Amino acid sequence: MLSPTAPLTPWILGAVLVALLAFMTWNAIRKNRREYATFKRQRSTKRRQKMFRKWLRQSFVNFGGAAVIVLLLSWQFVEPFTAAVDEWSWVAGAKQAFADSGWLGPALVGAFVLVIGGGAVLGIFLARSETEVPSIGDVQALLPRNRAELKWGAALAINAGIVEELLFRLALPVLIFGVTGSAVAAVAASILIFGLLHAYQGLPGIIGSVILGTAFMAIYLATGSIVVAIVVHALFDLRSLVLIPVVVFGVHKELGNGAPPVKKVASDAAELSTP
């Protein structure tokens, strides 16, 4: 761990930040676009599963590994960053409300998640007779088409919730804060970077990801718990990658022989980052 008082620490963290951004830029612009374009043309379930496995492995290693390395180097800045954002009135007010409420705070968080989740489930059931569900961004190809692909959709959703929240809501903001000393810059830049990494989904996908990233960041800052943000993110992706395909399109009834889906699979708010 680097000391916040060491004169070379900002320079070292800056070099780490530049290297991380360079890697993610290459990953998003070159690799993701190329692989996703190829993936959209694939009809074989076996080939799609192979790509799902590759993305799952790479996401876990690249994003998860980056989060661990960054946190090891910048852990001493976690407390100063937290103290800085706690000075924001809405964050301080939210945390104080949770502290004063005792058991009521976690109960309200759980109720909020249930209301949002329940509303999403209700909307999905109401749309189960539709042949097409509007989507934000070019995400249709990501959604499972049959039972064989559902497990990979679930795995990708859970993995994204864990590694993306650890990196983009915890590690990256702390790293940027260690370089700039600004909590505002750290929060804003990490949200923007999260959105830009979804460039393979087109401009609507970037905008949608920025909105979702802002919501996940607000949840993390307001509760002070990265676990809550992880759970909400994972549930959102499970909704898109498992619940919608099952309830609306009945993909669990398709065994998975590589045939194209009966209906056009789409999500009205799908968000998933691939490596």
Protein backbone atom coordinates (compact mmCIF):
# COMPACT_ATOMS: atom_id res chain seq x y z
CA MET A 1 0.00 0.00 0.00
CA LEU A 2 1.22 3.46 -0.88
CA SER A 3 1.35 6.15 1.78
CA PRO A 4 -0.79 9.24 1.12
CA THR A 5 2.02 11.42 2.47
CA ALA A 6 4.79 10.05 0.22
CA PRO A 7 5.66 12.60 -2.50
CA LEU A 8 5.85 9.97 -5.24
CA THR A 9 2.51 8.36 -4.41
CA PRO A 10 0.35 10.55 -6.72
CA TRP A 11 2.79 9.94 -9.57
CA ILE A 12 2.78 6.19 -9.06
CA LEU A 13 -1.01 6.11 -8.81
CA GLY A 14 -1.20 8.34 -11.87
CA ALA A 15 0.92 5.89 -13.84
CA VAL A 16 -1.34 3.03 -12.69
CA LEU A 17 -4.41 5.03 -13.72
CA VAL A 18 -3.01 5.79 -17.18
CA ALA A 19 -2.08 2.13 -17.70
CA LEU A 20 -5.52 0.97 -16.56
CA LEU A 21 -7.33 3.47 -18.79
CA ALA A 22 -5.15 2.52 -21.76
CA PHE A 23 -5.95 -1.15 -21.26
CA MET A 24 -9.68 -0.54 -20.87
CA THR A 25 -9.73 1.74 -23.92
CA TRP A 26 -8.05 -0.91 -26.06
CA ASN A 27 -10.38 -3.49 -24.61
CA ALA A 28 -13.53 -1.48 -25.34
CA ILE A 29 -12.71 0.06 -28.72
CA ARG A 30 -10.85 -2.71 -30.47
CA LYS A 31 -11.51 -6.01 -28.76
CA ASN A 32 -15.12 -5.61 -27.59
CA ARG A 33 -16.36 -4.14 -30.86
CA ARG A 34 -14.70 -6.85 -32.93
CA GLU A 35 -15.77 -9.74 -30.73
CA TYR A 36 -19.31 -8.45 -30.28
CA ALA A 37 -19.75 -7.95 -34.02
CA THR A 38 -18.63 -11.56 -34.56
CA PHE A 39 -20.83 -12.78 -31.71
CA LYS A 40 -23.96 -11.18 -33.20
CA ARG A 41 -23.51 -13.26 -36.36
CA GLN A 42 -23.21 -16.56 -34.49
CA ARG A 43 -26.17 -18.95 -34.47
CA SER A 44 -24.58 -22.02 -32.92
CA THR A 45 -25.30 -22.41 -29.22
CA LYS A 46 -21.92 -24.08 -28.71
CA ARG A 47 -20.09 -21.11 -30.23
CA ARG A 48 -22.15 -18.65 -28.20
CA GLN A 49 -21.43 -20.61 -25.02
CA LYS A 50 -17.73 -20.57 -25.86
CA MET A 51 -17.82 -16.79 -26.15
CA PHE A 52 -19.83 -16.48 -22.94
CA ARG A 53 -17.18 -18.55 -21.14
CA LYS A 54 -14.42 -16.40 -22.60
CA TRP A 55 -16.13 -13.16 -21.56
CA LEU A 56 -16.85 -14.50 -18.09
CA ARG A 57 -13.26 -15.58 -17.57
CA GLN A 58 -11.80 -12.36 -18.94
CA SER A 59 -14.15 -10.15 -16.97
CA PHE A 60 -13.32 -11.94 -13.74
CA VAL A 61 -9.57 -11.78 -14.37
CA ASN A 62 -9.35 -8.32 -15.95
CA PHE A 63 -11.88 -6.33 -13.93
CA GLY A 64 -11.59 -8.38 -10.76
CA GLY A 65 -7.80 -8.48 -10.94
CA ALA A 66 -7.60 -4.75 -11.66
CA ALA A 67 -9.84 -4.02 -8.67
CA VAL A 68 -7.65 -6.09 -6.35
CA ILE A 69 -4.38 -4.53 -7.58
CA VAL A 70 -5.73 -0.98 -7.41
CA LEU A 71 -7.14 -1.49 -3.92
CA LEU A 72 -3.86 -2.98 -2.70
CA LEU A 73 -1.97 0.07 -3.96
CA SER A 74 -4.47 2.73 -2.92
CA TRP A 75 -6.14 1.28 0.17
CA GLN A 76 -4.81 4.12 2.34
CA PHE A 77 -6.97 6.50 0.31
CA VAL A 78 -10.26 4.68 0.98
CA GLU A 79 -10.83 6.44 4.30
CA PRO A 80 -9.93 9.95 2.99
CA PHE A 81 -12.17 9.42 -0.04
CA THR A 82 -15.03 8.26 2.18
CA ALA A 83 -14.52 11.25 4.47
CA ALA A 84 -14.58 13.59 1.47
CA VAL A 85 -17.85 12.26 0.07
CA ASP A 86 -19.37 12.24 3.57
CA GLU A 87 -19.07 16.03 3.47
CA TRP A 88 -21.67 16.13 0.70
CA SER A 89 -24.96 17.00 2.33
CA TRP A 90 -27.07 14.32 0.66
CA VAL A 91 -24.55 11.59 1.48
CA ALA A 92 -24.21 12.73 5.09
CA GLY A 93 -27.98 12.95 5.41
CA ALA A 94 -28.53 9.49 3.98
CA LYS A 95 -25.91 7.87 6.18
CA GLN A 96 -27.19 9.69 9.27
CA ALA A 97 -30.70 8.52 8.52
CA PHE A 98 -29.48 4.92 8.29
CA ALA A 99 -27.50 5.28 11.50
CA ASP A 100 -30.46 6.75 13.39
CA SER A 101 -32.97 4.25 12.07
CA GLY A 102 -31.30 1.15 13.47
CA TRP A 103 -32.90 -1.90 11.90
CA LEU A 104 -35.24 0.33 9.88
CA GLY A 105 -32.44 1.46 7.53
CA PRO A 106 -31.60 -1.99 6.16
CA ALA A 107 -35.32 -2.77 6.06
CA LEU A 108 -35.96 0.30 3.90
CA VAL A 109 -33.11 -0.66 1.57
CA GLY A 110 -34.59 -4.15 1.27
CA ALA A 111 -38.05 -2.69 0.65
CA PHE A 112 -36.63 -0.38 -2.03
CA VAL A 113 -34.99 -3.30 -3.79
CA LEU A 114 -38.20 -5.34 -3.55
CA VAL A 115 -40.32 -2.49 -4.93
CA ILE A 116 -37.98 -1.90 -7.85
CA GLY A 117 -37.63 -5.63 -8.47
CA GLY A 118 -41.35 -6.22 -8.07
CA GLY A 119 -42.15 -3.45 -10.52
CA ALA A 120 -39.72 -4.91 -13.02
CA VAL A 121 -41.21 -8.39 -12.64
CA LEU A 122 -44.74 -7.02 -13.05
CA GLY A 123 -43.71 -5.17 -16.20
CA ILE A 124 -42.13 -8.31 -17.59
CA PHE A 125 -45.24 -10.39 -16.94
CA LEU A 126 -47.41 -7.75 -18.56
CA ALA A 127 -45.15 -7.86 -21.61
CA ARG A 128 -45.01 -11.64 -21.88
CA SER A 129 -47.40 -11.65 -24.85
CA GLU A 130 -45.31 -9.16 -26.81
CA THR A 131 -43.12 -10.26 -29.71
CA GLU A 132 -40.57 -7.51 -29.15
CA VAL A 133 -39.50 -5.54 -26.08
CA PRO A 134 -37.82 -2.16 -26.69
CA SER A 135 -34.16 -2.02 -25.69
CA ILE A 136 -31.63 0.65 -24.80
CA GLY A 137 -28.46 0.05 -26.74
CA ASP A 138 -27.36 -2.78 -28.98
CA VAL A 139 -27.77 -5.56 -26.42
CA GLN A 140 -30.18 -8.03 -28.02
CA ALA A 141 -27.52 -10.54 -29.01
CA LEU A 142 -26.32 -10.88 -25.40
CA LEU A 143 -29.56 -12.35 -24.14
CA PRO A 144 -29.82 -16.16 -23.82
CA ARG A 145 -31.83 -17.90 -26.53
CA ASN A 146 -32.33 -21.30 -24.91
CA ARG A 147 -31.92 -23.32 -21.71
CA ALA A 148 -28.29 -24.13 -22.43
CA GLU A 149 -27.39 -20.45 -22.52
CA LEU A 150 -29.39 -19.38 -19.45
CA LYS A 151 -26.74 -20.52 -16.97
CA TRP A 152 -24.17 -18.36 -18.73
CA GLY A 153 -26.52 -15.38 -18.62
CA ALA A 154 -26.88 -15.89 -14.86
CA ALA A 155 -23.12 -16.29 -14.40
CA LEU A 156 -22.35 -13.16 -16.42
CA ALA A 157 -24.93 -11.16 -14.45
CA ILE A 158 -23.60 -12.19 -11.05
CA ASN A 159 -19.99 -11.75 -12.11
CA ALA A 160 -20.72 -8.27 -13.51
CA GLY A 161 -22.40 -7.24 -10.29
CA ILE A 162 -19.36 -8.24 -8.25
CA VAL A 163 -16.33 -7.24 -10.32
CA GLU A 164 -17.79 -4.10 -11.90
CA GLU A 165 -18.95 -2.67 -8.58
CA LEU A 166 -15.61 -3.45 -6.92
CA LEU A 167 -13.76 -1.74 -9.76
CA PHE A 168 -15.99 1.17 -10.83
CA ARG A 169 -17.66 2.10 -7.55
CA LEU A 170 -14.82 1.34 -5.13
CA ALA A 171 -11.33 0.86 -6.59
CA LEU A 172 -11.35 3.29 -9.52
CA PRO A 173 -12.83 6.26 -7.60
CA VAL A 174 -10.29 5.76 -4.83
CA LEU A 175 -7.47 5.59 -7.38
CA ILE A 176 -8.62 8.79 -9.12
CA PHE A 177 -9.02 10.47 -5.73
CA GLY A 178 -5.45 9.48 -4.84
CA VAL A 179 -4.24 11.18 -8.02
CA THR A 180 -6.43 14.29 -8.06
CA GLY A 181 -7.44 14.77 -4.44
CA SER A 182 -10.97 15.54 -5.65
CA ALA A 183 -13.90 13.34 -4.66
CA VAL A 184 -16.11 15.02 -7.28
CA ALA A 185 -13.62 14.21 -10.05
CA ALA A 186 -13.25 10.65 -8.75
CA VAL A 187 -17.00 9.96 -8.75
CA ALA A 188 -17.76 11.72 -12.04
CA ALA A 189 -14.83 10.21 -13.95
CA SER A 190 -15.51 6.66 -12.76
CA ILE A 191 -19.16 6.93 -13.86
CA LEU A 192 -18.15 8.32 -17.26
CA ILE A 193 -15.53 5.60 -17.78
CA PHE A 194 -18.09 2.95 -16.88
CA GLY A 195 -20.43 4.34 -19.52
CA LEU A 196 -17.77 4.63 -22.22
CA LEU A 197 -16.79 0.99 -21.76
CA HIS A 198 -20.20 0.13 -23.20
CA ALA A 199 -19.34 1.79 -26.51
CA TYR A 200 -19.91 -1.53 -28.29
CA GLN A 201 -23.63 -1.05 -27.50
CA GLY A 202 -23.73 2.26 -29.38
CA LEU A 203 -24.53 5.74 -28.06
CA PRO A 204 -27.82 4.67 -26.40
CA GLY A 205 -25.89 1.96 -24.55
CA ILE A 206 -23.33 4.50 -23.32
CA ILE A 207 -26.03 6.87 -22.10
CA GLY A 208 -27.97 4.07 -20.43
CA SER A 209 -24.81 2.79 -18.73
CA VAL A 210 -23.96 6.27 -17.43
CA ILE A 211 -27.44 6.52 -15.92
CA LEU A 212 -27.14 3.07 -14.34
CA GLY A 213 -23.61 3.81 -13.14
CA THR A 214 -24.89 6.98 -11.48
CA ALA A 215 -27.66 5.04 -9.76
CA PHE A 216 -25.28 2.32 -8.52
CA MET A 217 -22.81 4.97 -7.30
CA ALA A 218 -25.60 6.80 -5.44
CA ILE A 219 -26.64 3.55 -3.77
CA TYR A 220 -23.05 2.85 -2.70
CA LEU A 221 -22.42 6.35 -1.36
CA ALA A 222 -25.79 6.63 0.38
CA THR A 223 -25.56 3.27 2.14
CA GLY A 224 -21.79 3.16 2.58
CA SER A 225 -21.94 -0.50 1.58
CA ILE A 226 -20.44 -1.85 -1.62
CA VAL A 227 -22.32 -5.10 -0.93
CA VAL A 228 -25.67 -3.35 -1.43
CA ALA A 229 -24.48 -1.93 -4.76
CA ILE A 230 -23.24 -5.37 -5.81
CA VAL A 231 -26.59 -7.00 -4.99
CA VAL A 232 -28.62 -4.33 -6.82
CA HIS A 233 -26.35 -4.50 -9.89
CA ALA A 234 -26.46 -8.30 -10.00
CA LEU A 235 -30.27 -8.33 -9.62
CA PHE A 236 -30.63 -5.81 -12.44
CA ASP A 237 -28.51 -7.93 -14.78
CA LEU A 238 -30.28 -11.12 -13.72
CA ARG A 239 -33.53 -9.43 -14.65
CA SER A 240 -32.18 -8.68 -18.12
CA LEU A 241 -30.24 -11.88 -18.77
CA VAL A 242 -32.47 -14.46 -17.08
CA LEU A 243 -35.91 -13.19 -16.07
CA ILE A 244 -36.88 -11.44 -19.32
CA PRO A 245 -35.73 -14.31 -21.57
CA VAL A 246 -37.60 -16.84 -19.41
CA VAL A 247 -40.86 -14.97 -18.72
CA VAL A 248 -41.30 -13.06 -21.97
CA PHE A 249 -39.71 -15.40 -24.49
CA GLY A 250 -39.81 -18.80 -22.79
CA VAL A 251 -36.21 -19.61 -23.70
CA HIS A 252 -36.05 -22.20 -20.91
CA LYS A 253 -38.30 -24.36 -23.09
CA GLU A 254 -35.72 -24.36 -25.90
CA LEU A 255 -33.15 -27.10 -25.26
CA GLY A 256 -30.40 -25.41 -27.25
CA ASN A 257 -29.53 -26.99 -30.56
CA GLY A 258 -28.21 -23.86 -32.18
CA ALA A 259 -31.50 -22.89 -33.82
CA PRO A 260 -32.37 -19.19 -33.94
CA PRO A 261 -34.88 -17.92 -31.36
CA VAL A 262 -38.59 -18.03 -32.10
CA LYS A 263 -39.00 -14.39 -31.08
CA LYS A 264 -36.64 -11.46 -31.24
CA VAL A 265 -34.98 -11.33 -27.86
CA ALA A 266 -34.58 -7.82 -26.48
CA SER A 267 -34.45 -6.08 -23.11
CA ASP A 268 -35.99 -2.77 -22.13
CA ALA A 269 -33.08 -1.82 -19.91
CA ALA A 270 -30.34 -4.40 -20.28
CA GLU A 271 -26.82 -3.46 -19.08
CA LEU A 272 -23.83 -5.71 -19.08
CA SER A 273 -20.11 -5.09 -19.48
CA THR A 274 -18.08 -7.53 -21.30
CA PRO A 275 -14.34 -7.64 -21.15
